[in-house]
C-alpha atoms as a PDB file:
ATOM      1  CA  MET A   1       6.626 -28.727 -13.458  1.00  0.00           C
ATOM      2  CA  MET A   2       9.962 -27.389 -12.164  1.00  0.00           C
ATOM      3  CA  ALA A   3       9.726 -24.423 -14.532  1.00  0.00           C
ATOM      4  CA  LEU A   4       6.270 -23.569 -13.167  1.00  0.00           C
ATOM      5  CA  LEU A   5       7.551 -23.711  -9.582  1.00  0.00           C
ATOM      6  CA  ALA A   6      10.484 -21.470 -10.485  1.00  0.00           C
ATOM      7  CA  VAL A   7       8.158 -18.906 -12.097  1.00  0.00           C
ATOM      8  CA  LEU A   8       5.850 -18.921  -9.082  1.00  0.00           C
ATOM      9  CA  ALA A   9       8.742 -18.552  -6.649  1.00  0.00           C
ATOM     10  CA  PHE A  10      10.229 -15.641  -8.597  1.00  0.00           C
ATOM     11  CA  SER A  11       6.926 -13.835  -9.109  1.00  0.00           C
ATOM     12  CA  SER A  12       5.930 -14.039  -5.459  1.00  0.00           C
ATOM     13  CA  SER A  13       9.281 -12.674  -4.289  1.00  0.00           C
ATOM     14  CA  ALA A  14       9.166  -9.940  -6.920  1.00  0.00           C
ATOM     15  CA  LEU A  15       5.816  -8.761  -5.578  1.00  0.00           C
ATOM     16  CA  ALA A  16       6.907  -8.696  -1.937  1.00  0.00           C
ATOM     17  CA  ILE A  17       7.680  -5.173  -0.740  1.00  0.00           C
ATOM     18  CA  GLY A  18       8.803  -5.981   2.788  1.00  0.00           C
ATOM     19  CA  ASP A  19       9.059  -3.489   5.607  1.00  0.00           C
ATOM     20  CA  GLY A  20      12.136  -1.683   4.316  1.00  0.00           C
ATOM     21  CA  LYS A  21      10.973  -0.420   0.945  1.00  0.00           C
ATOM     22  CA  ALA A  22       8.663   2.198  -0.479  1.00  0.00           C
ATOM     23  CA  LEU A  23       6.227   2.181  -3.383  1.00  0.00           C
ATOM     24  CA  MET A  24       5.169   5.186  -5.431  1.00  0.00           C
ATOM     25  CA  TYR A  25       1.744   5.432  -7.059  1.00  0.00           C
ATOM     26  CA  GLY A  26       0.372   7.942  -9.576  1.00  0.00           C
ATOM     27  CA  GLY A  27      -1.861   9.958  -7.262  1.00  0.00           C
ATOM     28  CA  ALA A  28      -3.615  11.683 -10.170  1.00  0.00           C
ATOM     29  CA  GLY A  29      -3.324  15.488 -10.106  1.00  0.00           C
ATOM     30  CA  GLN A  30      -2.792  15.606  -6.354  1.00  0.00           C
ATOM     31  CA  GLY A  31       0.811  14.408  -6.513  1.00  0.00           C
ATOM     32  CA  LYS A  32       2.403  10.992  -6.251  1.00  0.00           C
ATOM     33  CA  VAL A  33       1.388   8.749  -3.343  1.00  0.00           C
ATOM     34  CA  ILE A  34       4.186   7.135  -1.369  1.00  0.00           C
ATOM     35  CA  PHE A  35       3.648   3.925   0.597  1.00  0.00           C
ATOM     36  CA  ASP A  36       6.583   3.387   2.941  1.00  0.00           C
ATOM     37  CA  GLY A  37       6.709  -0.130   4.379  1.00  0.00           C
ATOM     38  CA  LYS A  38       9.408   0.908   6.859  1.00  0.00           C
ATOM     39  CA  VAL A  39       7.203   3.595   8.396  1.00  0.00           C
ATOM     40  CA  HIS A  40       4.299   1.172   8.773  1.00  0.00           C
ATOM     41  CA  ALA A  41       6.598  -1.487  10.277  1.00  0.00           C
ATOM     42  CA  SER A  42       7.949   1.064  12.774  1.00  0.00           C
ATOM     43  CA  LYS A  43       4.366   1.441  14.025  1.00  0.00           C
ATOM     44  CA  GLY A  44       4.269  -2.317  14.736  1.00  0.00           C
ATOM     45  CA  MET A  45       2.388  -3.325  11.612  1.00  0.00           C
ATOM     46  CA  VAL A  46       3.081  -6.411   9.525  1.00  0.00           C
ATOM     47  CA  CYS A  47       2.089  -7.005   5.902  1.00  0.00           C
ATOM     48  CA  THR A  48      -0.872  -9.230   6.766  1.00  0.00           C
ATOM     49  CA  ASP A  49      -2.459  -6.463   8.851  1.00  0.00           C
ATOM     50  CA  CYS A  50      -3.649  -5.012   5.539  1.00  0.00           C
ATOM     51  CA  HIS A  51      -2.974  -7.568   2.845  1.00  0.00           C
ATOM     52  CA  MET A  52      -5.512 -10.317   2.349  1.00  0.00           C
ATOM     53  CA  THR A  53      -7.988  -8.361   4.497  1.00  0.00           C
ATOM     54  CA  ILE A  54      -8.164  -4.792   3.155  1.00  0.00           C
ATOM     55  CA  PHE A  55      -5.989  -5.233   0.039  1.00  0.00           C
ATOM     56  CA  GLN A  56      -5.068  -8.088  -2.220  1.00  0.00           C
ATOM     57  CA  THR A  57      -1.330  -8.631  -2.632  1.00  0.00           C
ATOM     58  CA  LYS A  58      -0.797  -6.655  -5.812  1.00  0.00           C
ATOM     59  CA  LYS A  59       1.294  -3.567  -6.447  1.00  0.00           C
ATOM     60  CA  LYS A  60      -1.474  -1.461  -7.864  1.00  0.00           C
ATOM     61  CA  ALA A  61      -3.711   1.043  -6.226  1.00  0.00           C
ATOM     62  CA  LEU A  62      -7.125   1.647  -7.661  1.00  0.00           C
ATOM     63  CA  ILE A  63      -8.365   4.152  -5.114  1.00  0.00           C
ATOM     64  CA  THR A  64     -10.923   6.771  -6.105  1.00  0.00           C
ATOM     65  CA  MET A  65     -11.796  10.106  -4.522  1.00  0.00           C
ATOM     66  CA  ASP A  66     -14.994   8.487  -3.217  1.00  0.00           C
ATOM     67  CA  ASP A  67     -12.838   5.916  -1.378  1.00  0.00           C
ATOM     68  CA  HIS A  68     -11.211   8.752   0.584  1.00  0.00           C
ATOM     69  CA  GLY A  69     -14.415   9.283   2.546  1.00  0.00           C
ATOM     70  CA  ALA A  70     -15.265   5.603   2.923  1.00  0.00           C
ATOM     71  CA  ASP A  71     -14.164   2.919   5.353  1.00  0.00           C
ATOM     72  CA  LYS A  72     -12.118   1.015   2.775  1.00  0.00           C
ATOM     73  CA  ALA A  73      -8.630   0.827   1.283  1.00  0.00           C
ATOM     74  CA  CYS A  74      -6.096   3.015   3.112  1.00  0.00           C
ATOM     75  CA  PHE A  75      -8.930   4.822   4.865  1.00  0.00           C
ATOM     76  CA  VAL A  76      -9.778   1.885   7.110  1.00  0.00           C
ATOM     77  CA  CYS A  77      -6.908   3.248   9.225  1.00  0.00           C
ATOM     78  CA  HIS A  78      -6.214   6.670   7.688  1.00  0.00           C
ATOM     79  CA  ASN A  79      -9.504   8.133   8.880  1.00  0.00           C
ATOM     80  CA  GLY A  80      -8.208  10.912  11.132  1.00  0.00           C
ATOM     81  CA  LYS A  81      -8.830   8.843  14.272  1.00  0.00           C
ATOM     82  CA  LYS A  82      -6.618   5.766  14.030  1.00  0.00           C
ATOM     83  CA  ALA A  83      -4.069   7.391  11.685  1.00  0.00           C
ATOM     84  CA  PHE A  84      -3.678  10.757   9.961  1.00  0.00           C
ATOM     85  CA  ASN A  85      -5.796  11.655   6.951  1.00  0.00           C
ATOM     86  CA  ASP A  86      -3.932  14.769   5.857  1.00  0.00           C
ATOM     87  CA  CYS A  87      -3.610  14.773   2.041  1.00  0.00           C
ATOM     88  CA  ASP A  88      -0.043  16.147   2.064  1.00  0.00           C
ATOM     89  CA  GLN A  89       1.199  13.245   4.184  1.00  0.00           C
ATOM     90  CA  CYS A  90       0.655  10.833   1.258  1.00  0.00           C
ATOM     91  CA  HIS A  91       0.397  12.995  -1.869  1.00  0.00           C
ATOM     92  CA  ARG A  92       3.664  14.670  -2.832  1.00  0.00           C
ATOM     93  CA  LYS A  93       4.616  16.752  -5.851  1.00  0.00           C
ATOM     94  CA  PHE A  94       7.986  15.802  -7.377  1.00  0.00           C
END
């Protein structure tokens, strides 16, 4: 039982990004996508604003081109009205 609790405690902390870190996703041919928790936190957002409502708490992004024009995933906010929707703001070539 203690071993199970230790594994759960470690795995949940390992998945937490916090507001001071950034994640990089594949981004297909458009360039890597950067999610910067610090930038979002500076806008007054907290993790639960998106997680458990828009996203599950997993470090993987399965966003399609069709999602870019829909009211889901990042585009709930990044729709050009609430937040920018300029491709180059998220997709970067390294």
